[in-house]
Amino acid sequence: MDICAEELGNNTNNCIKIQADLKSFCEQVNEYLENDKTFELNINNWWKTLKQKVNKNKAVIQAMADDTSVPLNYYAAYAQVFIF
């Protein structure tokens, strides 16, 4: 999103390019979402999935942090620094 059309897509490869004032754009999006009853269901499902992925990632990282075999991995080394 950019207010200047010439700058759209210059910094990143965008799938959607929006030329607008950020404040008015956000107001319009919020107004639309307040009237969209399926949005709440979708966002709740998204949060549930996100929390599951976070917990899975925590378990994987904890396992790597607990692995002190040679060569020492980044997570195990950082865990020791964190304890210190």
Protein backbone atom coordinates (compact mmCIF):
# COMPACT_ATOMS: atom_id res chain seq x y z
CA MET A 1 0.00 0.00 0.00
CA ASP A 2 1.27 3.41 -0.88
CA ILE A 3 -0.18 6.86 -1.40
CA CYS A 4 2.11 7.39 -4.41
CA ALA A 5 1.27 5.24 -7.45
CA GLU A 6 4.85 5.33 -8.75
CA GLU A 7 6.11 3.63 -5.60
CA LEU A 8 3.72 0.65 -5.69
CA GLY A 9 5.76 -2.54 -5.94
CA ASN A 10 9.17 -0.87 -5.74
CA ASN A 11 10.14 -2.37 -2.37
CA THR A 12 8.49 -5.77 -2.55
CA ASN A 13 6.80 -8.06 -5.03
CA ASN A 14 3.10 -7.44 -4.32
CA CYS A 15 0.12 -9.62 -5.19
CA ILE A 16 -2.23 -6.69 -4.62
CA LYS A 17 -1.24 -3.07 -5.06
CA ILE A 18 -3.39 -0.52 -3.27
CA GLN A 19 -3.01 3.20 -3.79
CA ALA A 20 -4.77 4.93 -0.92
CA ASP A 21 -4.46 7.02 2.20
CA LEU A 22 -3.75 4.53 5.01
CA LYS A 23 -6.18 6.07 7.50
CA SER A 24 -9.18 6.11 5.14
CA PHE A 25 -8.31 2.66 3.79
CA CYS A 26 -8.19 1.17 7.29
CA GLU A 27 -11.47 2.86 8.21
CA GLN A 28 -13.15 1.32 5.14
CA VAL A 29 -11.70 -2.14 5.85
CA ASN A 30 -12.81 -1.98 9.50
CA GLU A 31 -16.31 -0.89 8.47
CA TYR A 32 -16.53 -3.79 6.03
CA LEU A 33 -15.29 -6.32 8.61
CA GLU A 34 -17.78 -5.09 11.24
CA ASN A 35 -20.61 -6.01 8.84
CA ASP A 36 -19.06 -9.33 7.72
CA LYS A 37 -20.36 -12.05 10.04
CA THR A 38 -18.09 -14.75 8.57
CA PHE A 39 -14.96 -12.75 9.41
CA GLU A 40 -15.20 -13.54 13.12
CA LEU A 41 -15.47 -17.27 12.43
CA ASN A 42 -12.54 -17.14 10.00
CA ILE A 43 -10.33 -15.15 12.37
CA ASN A 44 -11.12 -17.53 15.24
CA ASN A 45 -10.11 -20.49 13.06
CA TRP A 46 -6.97 -18.63 12.05
CA TRP A 47 -6.02 -17.97 15.70
CA LYS A 48 -6.65 -21.62 16.59
CA THR A 49 -4.39 -22.80 13.75
CA LEU A 50 -1.75 -20.21 14.63
CA LYS A 51 -1.68 -21.30 18.29
CA GLN A 52 -1.28 -24.94 17.23
CA LYS A 53 1.66 -24.02 15.00
CA VAL A 54 3.24 -21.92 17.77
CA ASN A 55 3.02 -24.83 20.21
CA LYS A 56 4.50 -27.21 17.65
CA ASN A 57 7.37 -24.79 16.96
CA LYS A 58 8.03 -24.36 20.69
CA ALA A 59 8.31 -28.13 21.11
CA VAL A 60 10.70 -28.47 18.16
CA ILE A 61 12.91 -25.60 19.35
CA GLN A 62 12.94 -26.91 22.91
CA ALA A 63 14.07 -30.32 21.62
CA MET A 64 16.90 -28.64 19.69
CA ALA A 65 17.86 -26.55 22.74
CA ASP A 66 18.02 -29.73 24.84
CA ASP A 67 20.25 -31.50 22.29
CA THR A 68 23.82 -30.90 23.48
CA SER A 69 25.48 -33.40 21.17
CA VAL A 70 28.51 -32.34 19.12
CA PRO A 71 28.45 -30.24 17.01
CA LEU A 72 26.39 -27.97 19.20
CA ASN A 73 23.45 -26.40 17.37
CA TYR A 74 22.51 -22.73 17.62
CA TYR A 75 19.54 -23.33 19.93
CA ALA A 76 21.55 -25.40 22.40
CA ALA A 77 24.33 -22.79 22.48
CA TYR A 78 21.86 -19.93 22.93
CA ALA A 79 20.05 -21.83 25.71
CA GLN A 80 23.32 -22.00 27.64
CA VAL A 81 23.94 -18.29 27.19
CA PHE A 82 20.38 -17.54 28.26
CA ILE A 83 20.82 -19.61 31.46
CA PHE A 84 24.07 -17.82 32.27
